[in-house]
N, C-alpha and C. Protein backbone atom coordinates (compact mmCIF):
# COMPACT_ATOMS: atom_id res chain seq x y z
N MET A 1 27.67 44.13 -87.36
CA MET A 1 27.99 43.16 -86.34
C MET A 1 27.49 41.81 -86.76
N LYS A 2 28.34 40.75 -86.63
CA LYS A 2 27.95 39.40 -87.01
C LYS A 2 27.18 38.74 -85.88
N ARG A 3 26.19 37.99 -86.29
CA ARG A 3 25.42 37.23 -85.31
C ARG A 3 25.89 35.79 -85.33
N ILE A 4 25.94 35.17 -84.14
CA ILE A 4 26.31 33.76 -84.04
C ILE A 4 25.02 32.97 -84.10
N PRO A 5 24.96 32.01 -85.03
CA PRO A 5 23.74 31.21 -85.15
C PRO A 5 23.38 30.53 -83.84
N ALA A 6 22.10 30.40 -83.56
CA ALA A 6 21.60 29.78 -82.33
C ALA A 6 22.10 28.36 -82.18
N ALA A 7 22.23 27.62 -83.27
CA ALA A 7 22.71 26.24 -83.20
C ALA A 7 24.14 26.18 -82.67
N VAL A 8 24.99 27.14 -83.07
CA VAL A 8 26.37 27.18 -82.59
C VAL A 8 26.38 27.52 -81.10
N LEU A 9 25.59 28.52 -80.69
CA LEU A 9 25.51 28.87 -79.27
C LEU A 9 25.04 27.69 -78.43
N ALA A 10 24.06 26.95 -78.91
CA ALA A 10 23.55 25.79 -78.19
C ALA A 10 24.63 24.72 -78.06
N SER A 11 25.41 24.51 -79.13
CA SER A 11 26.49 23.53 -79.08
C SER A 11 27.56 23.91 -78.07
N VAL A 12 27.93 25.20 -78.06
CA VAL A 12 28.94 25.68 -77.11
C VAL A 12 28.43 25.54 -75.68
N ALA A 13 27.18 25.90 -75.44
CA ALA A 13 26.60 25.80 -74.10
C ALA A 13 26.56 24.35 -73.64
N THR A 14 26.20 23.43 -74.53
CA THR A 14 26.16 22.01 -74.19
C THR A 14 27.56 21.50 -73.88
N ALA A 15 28.55 21.88 -74.66
CA ALA A 15 29.93 21.47 -74.41
C ALA A 15 30.41 21.99 -73.07
N ALA A 16 30.05 23.22 -72.71
CA ALA A 16 30.46 23.78 -71.42
C ALA A 16 29.84 23.00 -70.28
N LEU A 17 28.58 22.60 -70.42
CA LEU A 17 27.94 21.80 -69.38
C LEU A 17 28.60 20.44 -69.22
N VAL A 18 29.07 19.87 -70.29
CA VAL A 18 29.73 18.57 -70.23
C VAL A 18 31.12 18.69 -69.62
N VAL A 19 31.85 19.77 -69.91
CA VAL A 19 33.23 19.91 -69.45
C VAL A 19 33.31 20.45 -68.03
N LEU A 20 32.55 21.45 -67.65
CA LEU A 20 32.70 22.10 -66.36
C LEU A 20 32.53 21.18 -65.15
N PRO A 21 31.56 20.27 -65.11
CA PRO A 21 31.44 19.44 -63.93
C PRO A 21 32.62 18.50 -63.70
N ALA A 22 33.47 18.31 -64.69
CA ALA A 22 34.61 17.41 -64.54
C ALA A 22 35.68 17.98 -63.62
N SER A 23 35.63 19.28 -63.31
CA SER A 23 36.61 19.86 -62.41
C SER A 23 35.90 20.77 -61.43
N GLY A 24 36.65 21.28 -60.48
CA GLY A 24 36.10 22.18 -59.48
C GLY A 24 35.95 23.59 -60.02
N GLY A 25 36.31 23.84 -61.28
CA GLY A 25 36.18 25.16 -61.85
C GLY A 25 37.40 26.03 -61.58
N ASP A 26 38.24 25.62 -60.62
CA ASP A 26 39.43 26.40 -60.30
C ASP A 26 40.70 25.58 -60.50
N GLY A 27 40.58 24.53 -61.32
CA GLY A 27 41.73 23.68 -61.58
C GLY A 27 41.82 22.50 -60.63
N THR A 28 40.93 22.45 -59.61
CA THR A 28 40.96 21.33 -58.69
C THR A 28 40.18 20.17 -59.27
N SER A 29 40.31 19.02 -58.63
CA SER A 29 39.58 17.85 -59.11
C SER A 29 38.19 17.78 -58.50
N GLY A 30 37.81 18.79 -57.71
CA GLY A 30 36.46 18.84 -57.16
C GLY A 30 36.12 17.60 -56.37
N GLY A 31 34.91 17.10 -56.55
CA GLY A 31 34.45 15.92 -55.83
C GLY A 31 34.85 14.61 -56.46
N ARG A 32 35.61 14.66 -57.54
CA ARG A 32 36.01 13.42 -58.20
C ARG A 32 36.92 12.60 -57.31
N THR A 33 36.93 11.30 -57.55
CA THR A 33 37.82 10.41 -56.81
C THR A 33 39.25 10.62 -57.29
N VAL A 34 40.15 10.89 -56.34
CA VAL A 34 41.56 11.09 -56.64
C VAL A 34 42.32 9.79 -56.44
N ILE A 35 42.01 9.10 -55.33
CA ILE A 35 42.59 7.78 -55.06
C ILE A 35 41.45 6.83 -54.71
N GLU A 36 41.48 5.67 -55.31
CA GLU A 36 40.59 4.58 -54.94
C GLU A 36 41.44 3.33 -54.97
N ALA A 37 41.65 2.73 -53.81
CA ALA A 37 42.54 1.57 -53.72
C ALA A 37 41.87 0.47 -52.92
N ASP A 38 42.16 -0.76 -53.32
CA ASP A 38 41.66 -1.94 -52.62
C ASP A 38 42.79 -2.68 -51.94
N THR A 39 43.92 -2.02 -51.78
CA THR A 39 45.06 -2.65 -51.14
C THR A 39 45.96 -1.58 -50.55
N MET A 40 46.71 -1.99 -49.54
CA MET A 40 47.75 -1.15 -48.96
C MET A 40 48.94 -2.05 -48.69
N ALA A 41 50.13 -1.45 -48.68
CA ALA A 41 51.35 -2.19 -48.39
C ALA A 41 51.73 -1.95 -46.93
N PRO A 42 51.98 -3.03 -46.17
CA PRO A 42 52.39 -2.84 -44.77
C PRO A 42 53.86 -2.46 -44.67
N VAL A 43 54.22 -1.79 -43.58
CA VAL A 43 55.61 -1.43 -43.37
C VAL A 43 56.42 -2.71 -43.15
N ASP A 44 57.55 -2.80 -43.85
CA ASP A 44 58.38 -4.00 -43.80
C ASP A 44 59.77 -3.64 -44.34
N GLY A 45 60.71 -4.54 -44.15
CA GLY A 45 62.05 -4.39 -44.72
C GLY A 45 62.71 -3.08 -44.35
N PRO A 46 63.29 -2.38 -45.35
CA PRO A 46 64.05 -1.16 -45.05
C PRO A 46 63.19 0.01 -44.59
N TYR A 47 61.87 -0.12 -44.66
CA TYR A 47 60.99 0.97 -44.25
C TYR A 47 60.61 0.90 -42.77
N VAL A 48 61.00 -0.17 -42.07
CA VAL A 48 60.75 -0.28 -40.64
C VAL A 48 61.62 0.74 -39.92
N GLY A 49 61.02 1.51 -39.03
CA GLY A 49 61.77 2.48 -38.23
C GLY A 49 62.02 3.78 -38.96
N ALA A 50 63.00 4.52 -38.46
CA ALA A 50 63.26 5.88 -38.94
C ALA A 50 64.33 5.98 -40.02
N ALA A 51 64.94 4.86 -40.42
CA ALA A 51 66.06 4.91 -41.37
C ALA A 51 65.65 5.41 -42.76
N ASN A 52 64.46 5.05 -43.22
CA ASN A 52 64.01 5.41 -44.56
C ASN A 52 62.59 5.95 -44.55
N PRO A 53 62.39 7.14 -44.01
CA PRO A 53 61.03 7.70 -44.00
C PRO A 53 60.55 7.97 -45.42
N ILE A 54 59.26 7.91 -45.58
CA ILE A 54 58.63 8.26 -46.86
C ILE A 54 57.90 9.58 -46.64
N ARG A 55 58.32 10.59 -47.38
CA ARG A 55 57.76 11.94 -47.28
C ARG A 55 57.72 12.42 -45.83
N GLY A 56 58.78 12.13 -45.10
CA GLY A 56 58.90 12.60 -43.74
C GLY A 56 58.17 11.78 -42.70
N ILE A 57 57.58 10.67 -43.10
CA ILE A 57 56.83 9.82 -42.18
C ILE A 57 57.61 8.52 -41.97
N ASN A 58 57.94 8.23 -40.71
CA ASN A 58 58.70 7.02 -40.39
C ASN A 58 57.82 5.78 -40.38
N GLY A 59 58.42 4.66 -40.75
CA GLY A 59 57.73 3.39 -40.63
C GLY A 59 57.64 2.99 -39.18
N GLY A 60 56.67 2.12 -38.85
CA GLY A 60 56.55 1.59 -37.50
C GLY A 60 57.84 0.90 -37.09
N GLY A 61 58.05 0.73 -35.80
CA GLY A 61 59.29 0.18 -35.28
C GLY A 61 59.47 -1.31 -35.50
N LEU A 62 58.41 -2.01 -35.93
CA LEU A 62 58.46 -3.44 -36.24
C LEU A 62 57.69 -3.66 -37.54
N PRO A 63 57.91 -4.79 -38.22
CA PRO A 63 57.15 -5.07 -39.44
C PRO A 63 55.66 -5.35 -39.13
N TRP A 64 54.82 -4.99 -40.08
CA TRP A 64 53.37 -5.17 -39.96
C TRP A 64 52.86 -6.01 -41.12
N GLN A 65 51.62 -6.46 -41.00
CA GLN A 65 50.92 -7.15 -42.08
C GLN A 65 49.49 -6.62 -42.12
N ILE A 66 48.83 -6.81 -43.26
CA ILE A 66 47.46 -6.33 -43.42
C ILE A 66 46.67 -7.34 -44.24
N ASP A 67 45.44 -7.60 -43.83
CA ASP A 67 44.58 -8.53 -44.56
C ASP A 67 43.84 -7.85 -45.70
N ASP A 68 43.26 -6.67 -45.43
CA ASP A 68 42.43 -6.02 -46.43
C ASP A 68 42.39 -4.52 -46.16
N ALA A 69 42.22 -3.75 -47.23
CA ALA A 69 42.11 -2.29 -47.10
C ALA A 69 41.29 -1.73 -48.24
N LYS A 70 40.59 -0.66 -47.95
CA LYS A 70 39.87 0.11 -48.97
C LYS A 70 40.13 1.58 -48.66
N VAL A 71 40.52 2.31 -49.69
CA VAL A 71 40.86 3.74 -49.54
C VAL A 71 40.14 4.52 -50.62
N GLU A 72 39.52 5.63 -50.23
CA GLU A 72 38.95 6.55 -51.21
C GLU A 72 39.22 7.97 -50.74
N LEU A 73 39.80 8.76 -51.65
CA LEU A 73 40.08 10.17 -51.40
C LEU A 73 39.51 10.96 -52.56
N THR A 74 38.72 12.00 -52.25
CA THR A 74 38.16 12.84 -53.30
C THR A 74 38.93 14.16 -53.36
N GLY A 75 38.75 14.86 -54.45
CA GLY A 75 39.39 16.15 -54.65
C GLY A 75 38.94 17.21 -53.65
N THR A 76 37.80 16.98 -53.01
CA THR A 76 37.33 17.92 -51.98
C THR A 76 37.95 17.61 -50.62
N GLY A 77 38.77 16.55 -50.54
CA GLY A 77 39.43 16.19 -49.29
C GLY A 77 38.69 15.17 -48.45
N ARG A 78 37.58 14.66 -48.96
CA ARG A 78 36.84 13.62 -48.24
C ARG A 78 37.64 12.33 -48.31
N ILE A 79 37.97 11.75 -47.13
CA ILE A 79 38.75 10.52 -47.10
C ILE A 79 38.01 9.45 -46.31
N GLU A 80 38.02 8.25 -46.87
CA GLU A 80 37.47 7.07 -46.21
C GLU A 80 38.49 5.96 -46.33
N VAL A 81 38.86 5.39 -45.19
CA VAL A 81 39.81 4.29 -45.16
C VAL A 81 39.24 3.20 -44.26
N GLU A 82 39.23 1.99 -44.75
CA GLU A 82 38.84 0.84 -43.95
C GLU A 82 39.98 -0.16 -44.00
N VAL A 83 40.50 -0.52 -42.83
CA VAL A 83 41.55 -1.53 -42.77
C VAL A 83 41.05 -2.71 -41.95
N GLU A 84 41.49 -3.89 -42.35
CA GLU A 84 41.18 -5.12 -41.62
C GLU A 84 42.47 -5.89 -41.44
N GLY A 85 42.70 -6.34 -40.23
CA GLY A 85 43.88 -7.16 -39.96
C GLY A 85 45.20 -6.42 -40.07
N LEU A 86 45.23 -5.13 -39.73
CA LEU A 86 46.48 -4.37 -39.73
C LEU A 86 47.13 -4.60 -38.37
N VAL A 87 48.04 -5.59 -38.34
CA VAL A 87 48.64 -6.06 -37.08
C VAL A 87 50.14 -6.28 -37.27
N LEU A 88 50.83 -6.41 -36.14
CA LEU A 88 52.25 -6.74 -36.18
C LEU A 88 52.44 -8.08 -36.88
N LEU A 89 53.52 -8.18 -37.64
CA LEU A 89 53.83 -9.36 -38.43
C LEU A 89 53.83 -10.62 -37.57
N GLU A 90 53.27 -11.67 -38.10
CA GLU A 90 53.23 -12.96 -37.40
C GLU A 90 54.49 -13.76 -37.72
N ALA A 91 55.64 -13.16 -37.44
CA ALA A 91 56.94 -13.79 -37.68
C ALA A 91 58.01 -12.94 -37.00
N ALA A 92 59.20 -13.50 -36.90
CA ALA A 92 60.34 -12.73 -36.38
C ALA A 92 60.62 -11.58 -37.34
N PRO A 93 61.06 -10.46 -36.88
CA PRO A 93 61.63 -10.16 -35.57
C PRO A 93 60.61 -9.73 -34.52
N VAL A 94 59.32 -9.81 -34.82
CA VAL A 94 58.31 -9.44 -33.83
C VAL A 94 58.31 -10.51 -32.73
N PRO A 95 58.38 -10.09 -31.46
CA PRO A 95 58.33 -11.07 -30.37
C PRO A 95 57.06 -11.93 -30.46
N PRO A 96 57.17 -13.22 -30.21
CA PRO A 96 56.01 -14.13 -30.37
C PRO A 96 54.74 -13.65 -29.66
N GLU A 97 54.88 -13.06 -28.47
CA GLU A 97 53.69 -12.64 -27.72
C GLU A 97 53.00 -11.42 -28.34
N ARG A 98 53.66 -10.73 -29.28
CA ARG A 98 53.07 -9.55 -29.93
C ARG A 98 52.63 -9.81 -31.36
N GLN A 99 52.99 -10.96 -31.91
CA GLN A 99 52.67 -11.28 -33.31
C GLN A 99 51.15 -11.35 -33.53
N GLY A 100 50.71 -10.75 -34.65
CA GLY A 100 49.30 -10.81 -35.03
C GLY A 100 48.39 -9.92 -34.20
N ILE A 101 48.95 -8.96 -33.48
CA ILE A 101 48.17 -8.07 -32.60
C ILE A 101 48.44 -6.62 -32.99
N ASN A 102 47.41 -5.79 -32.90
CA ASN A 102 47.57 -4.35 -33.05
C ASN A 102 47.62 -3.74 -31.66
N PRO A 103 48.75 -3.17 -31.25
CA PRO A 103 48.85 -2.56 -29.93
C PRO A 103 48.35 -1.11 -29.87
N ALA A 104 48.04 -0.51 -31.02
CA ALA A 104 47.63 0.91 -31.06
C ALA A 104 46.11 1.01 -30.86
N PRO A 105 45.66 1.83 -29.91
CA PRO A 105 44.21 1.96 -29.67
C PRO A 105 43.49 2.74 -30.77
N ASN A 106 44.25 3.57 -31.52
CA ASN A 106 43.65 4.40 -32.57
C ASN A 106 44.55 4.40 -33.80
N PHE A 107 43.92 4.62 -34.95
CA PHE A 107 44.65 4.84 -36.19
C PHE A 107 44.27 6.21 -36.73
N VAL A 108 45.20 6.83 -37.44
CA VAL A 108 44.92 8.03 -38.23
C VAL A 108 45.27 7.73 -39.67
N ALA A 109 44.67 8.46 -40.58
CA ALA A 109 45.08 8.42 -41.99
C ALA A 109 45.82 9.72 -42.26
N VAL A 110 46.90 9.62 -43.01
CA VAL A 110 47.66 10.79 -43.41
C VAL A 110 47.67 10.84 -44.93
N VAL A 111 47.26 11.96 -45.49
CA VAL A 111 47.36 12.18 -46.92
C VAL A 111 48.60 13.03 -47.15
N SER A 112 49.51 12.51 -47.97
CA SER A 112 50.74 13.21 -48.29
C SER A 112 50.67 13.67 -49.74
N CYS A 113 50.81 14.96 -49.96
CA CYS A 113 50.75 15.55 -51.30
C CYS A 113 52.06 16.26 -51.61
N MET A 114 52.46 16.23 -52.85
CA MET A 114 53.49 17.14 -53.34
C MET A 114 52.75 18.36 -53.84
N THR A 115 53.23 19.54 -53.49
CA THR A 115 52.57 20.77 -53.90
C THR A 115 53.61 21.86 -54.04
N THR A 116 53.18 23.07 -54.27
CA THR A 116 54.11 24.20 -54.34
C THR A 116 53.69 25.25 -53.33
N VAL A 117 54.68 25.81 -52.65
CA VAL A 117 54.45 26.91 -51.71
C VAL A 117 55.41 28.01 -52.13
N ASP A 118 54.84 29.14 -52.54
CA ASP A 118 55.64 30.26 -53.03
C ASP A 118 56.57 29.82 -54.16
N GLY A 119 56.08 28.95 -55.04
CA GLY A 119 56.84 28.50 -56.20
C GLY A 119 57.85 27.42 -55.92
N VAL A 120 57.92 26.93 -54.69
CA VAL A 120 58.89 25.89 -54.33
C VAL A 120 58.15 24.58 -54.09
N ALA A 121 58.65 23.50 -54.71
CA ALA A 121 58.06 22.17 -54.51
C ALA A 121 58.26 21.74 -53.06
N THR A 122 57.20 21.24 -52.45
CA THR A 122 57.27 20.81 -51.06
C THR A 122 56.27 19.69 -50.80
N THR A 123 56.46 19.01 -49.68
CA THR A 123 55.54 17.96 -49.24
C THR A 123 54.63 18.52 -48.17
N VAL A 124 53.35 18.22 -48.29
CA VAL A 124 52.38 18.59 -47.27
C VAL A 124 51.71 17.31 -46.79
N ASN A 125 51.78 17.03 -45.48
CA ASN A 125 51.14 15.87 -44.88
C ASN A 125 49.99 16.34 -44.00
N LEU A 126 48.80 15.80 -44.25
CA LEU A 126 47.60 16.17 -43.49
C LEU A 126 47.02 14.93 -42.84
N ALA A 127 46.76 15.00 -41.54
CA ALA A 127 46.26 13.85 -40.79
C ALA A 127 44.79 14.01 -40.41
N THR A 128 44.09 12.89 -40.38
CA THR A 128 42.72 12.86 -39.88
C THR A 128 42.74 12.87 -38.36
N ASP A 129 41.58 12.99 -37.78
CA ASP A 129 41.45 12.76 -36.34
C ASP A 129 41.72 11.29 -36.08
N PRO A 130 42.02 10.91 -34.84
CA PRO A 130 42.19 9.48 -34.51
C PRO A 130 40.85 8.76 -34.52
N PHE A 131 40.88 7.52 -35.00
CA PHE A 131 39.70 6.68 -35.02
C PHE A 131 40.03 5.38 -34.30
N PRO A 132 39.06 4.80 -33.57
CA PRO A 132 39.33 3.58 -32.82
C PRO A 132 39.81 2.44 -33.72
N ALA A 133 40.76 1.66 -33.18
CA ALA A 133 41.29 0.48 -33.87
C ALA A 133 41.24 -0.69 -32.90
N SER A 134 40.79 -1.83 -33.38
CA SER A 134 40.70 -3.01 -32.53
C SER A 134 42.06 -3.70 -32.42
N THR A 135 42.20 -4.59 -31.46
CA THR A 135 43.44 -5.35 -31.33
C THR A 135 43.62 -6.29 -32.51
N ALA A 136 42.52 -6.57 -33.23
CA ALA A 136 42.58 -7.38 -34.45
C ALA A 136 43.02 -6.55 -35.65
N GLY A 137 43.23 -5.23 -35.44
CA GLY A 137 43.71 -4.35 -36.51
C GLY A 137 42.64 -3.85 -37.45
N ASP A 138 41.40 -3.78 -36.98
CA ASP A 138 40.29 -3.29 -37.81
C ASP A 138 39.96 -1.86 -37.41
N SER A 139 39.73 -1.01 -38.42
CA SER A 139 39.37 0.39 -38.17
C SER A 139 38.69 0.99 -39.38
N GLN A 140 37.79 1.94 -39.13
CA GLN A 140 37.16 2.71 -40.19
C GLN A 140 37.42 4.18 -39.92
N ILE A 141 38.00 4.84 -40.91
CA ILE A 141 38.36 6.25 -40.80
C ILE A 141 37.55 7.02 -41.85
N GLU A 142 36.83 8.03 -41.41
CA GLU A 142 36.08 8.91 -42.32
C GLU A 142 36.27 10.33 -41.83
N ASP A 143 36.82 11.17 -42.70
CA ASP A 143 37.12 12.54 -42.26
C ASP A 143 37.14 13.47 -43.48
N GLN A 144 37.30 14.74 -43.22
CA GLN A 144 37.40 15.78 -44.25
C GLN A 144 38.70 16.53 -44.03
N LEU A 145 39.56 16.59 -45.05
CA LEU A 145 40.84 17.30 -44.97
C LEU A 145 40.85 18.47 -45.95
N ASP A 146 41.63 19.47 -45.66
CA ASP A 146 41.77 20.63 -46.52
C ASP A 146 43.02 20.42 -47.39
N LEU A 147 42.86 19.77 -48.54
CA LEU A 147 43.99 19.44 -49.41
C LEU A 147 44.61 20.69 -50.02
N PRO A 148 45.93 20.68 -50.20
CA PRO A 148 46.56 21.82 -50.87
C PRO A 148 46.22 21.79 -52.36
N GLU A 149 46.40 22.91 -53.01
CA GLU A 149 46.17 23.00 -54.47
C GLU A 149 47.47 23.41 -55.11
N PRO A 150 48.09 22.60 -55.92
CA PRO A 150 47.65 21.26 -56.31
C PRO A 150 48.10 20.21 -55.29
N CYS A 151 47.46 19.05 -55.33
CA CYS A 151 47.87 17.90 -54.53
C CYS A 151 48.34 16.85 -55.54
N ILE A 152 49.66 16.82 -55.77
CA ILE A 152 50.25 15.95 -56.79
C ILE A 152 50.75 14.66 -56.13
N ALA A 153 50.52 13.53 -56.80
CA ALA A 153 51.01 12.22 -56.36
C ALA A 153 50.66 11.93 -54.90
N PRO A 154 49.37 11.99 -54.55
CA PRO A 154 49.01 11.74 -53.15
C PRO A 154 49.27 10.29 -52.75
N ILE A 155 49.69 10.12 -51.50
CA ILE A 155 49.86 8.82 -50.87
C ILE A 155 49.03 8.85 -49.59
N VAL A 156 48.34 7.77 -49.29
CA VAL A 156 47.59 7.66 -48.04
C VAL A 156 48.31 6.66 -47.14
N PHE A 157 48.61 7.11 -45.92
CA PHE A 157 49.25 6.27 -44.90
C PHE A 157 48.24 6.03 -43.78
N VAL A 158 48.37 4.89 -43.10
CA VAL A 158 47.62 4.62 -41.87
C VAL A 158 48.63 4.26 -40.79
N GLY A 159 48.47 4.88 -39.63
CA GLY A 159 49.37 4.61 -38.52
C GLY A 159 48.78 5.09 -37.22
N PRO A 160 49.58 5.07 -36.16
CA PRO A 160 49.08 5.46 -34.84
C PRO A 160 49.06 6.97 -34.62
N ASN A 161 49.82 7.69 -35.46
CA ASN A 161 49.92 9.15 -35.32
C ASN A 161 50.41 9.71 -36.66
N PRO A 162 50.42 11.04 -36.82
CA PRO A 162 50.81 11.63 -38.10
C PRO A 162 52.27 11.41 -38.51
N GLY A 163 53.13 10.98 -37.59
CA GLY A 163 54.54 10.81 -37.91
C GLY A 163 55.00 9.38 -38.12
N THR A 164 54.06 8.41 -38.02
CA THR A 164 54.42 6.99 -38.13
C THR A 164 53.39 6.27 -38.98
N TRP A 165 53.86 5.40 -39.89
CA TRP A 165 52.92 4.63 -40.72
C TRP A 165 53.10 3.13 -40.51
N PHE A 166 51.95 2.41 -40.59
CA PHE A 166 51.94 0.96 -40.56
C PHE A 166 51.57 0.39 -41.92
N ALA A 167 50.80 1.15 -42.73
CA ALA A 167 50.40 0.71 -44.07
C ALA A 167 50.27 1.96 -44.95
N ALA A 168 50.55 1.79 -46.25
CA ALA A 168 50.46 2.91 -47.19
C ALA A 168 49.86 2.42 -48.50
N THR A 169 49.24 3.34 -49.25
CA THR A 169 48.71 2.94 -50.55
C THR A 169 49.84 2.42 -51.40
N GLY A 170 49.61 1.33 -52.06
CA GLY A 170 50.63 0.64 -52.86
C GLY A 170 50.37 -0.86 -52.74
N VAL A 171 51.23 -1.62 -53.34
CA VAL A 171 51.09 -3.09 -53.27
C VAL A 171 52.37 -3.72 -52.77
């Protein structure tokens, strides 16, 4: 029987320690950051309303604008979203008395993943609990979601409910 030199075993053990923490051990991304964004795109143009939903989620019924956003999603499903100034567009077609105001008392974040169910590609949308939103359009969302495996090409949406978005990751 051949013996493996101790130096080779030590090298293999060190390599395993370096590689294993990079994933969840089961092919998942574990606690690593999956999405980290400093911007979101507000609903506007052809995405306003139900004519052109993105992954089954309709745009708000009027155009929106956003001042600032920060999004972080980890492979364990931990999501943190901070939005500032997510309000109705300060221009037509929004009625003048509603421009620059957020009429929604709460925002939710929705993580949309492409995944497979029984070997078939499908979209899975998971929503956070509702979090308070000010009339100035400021909100902080922190929650834990049970992401599907795999979660391919995730998009984070913010809106008043799981079926409507006002802002999405993108520019």
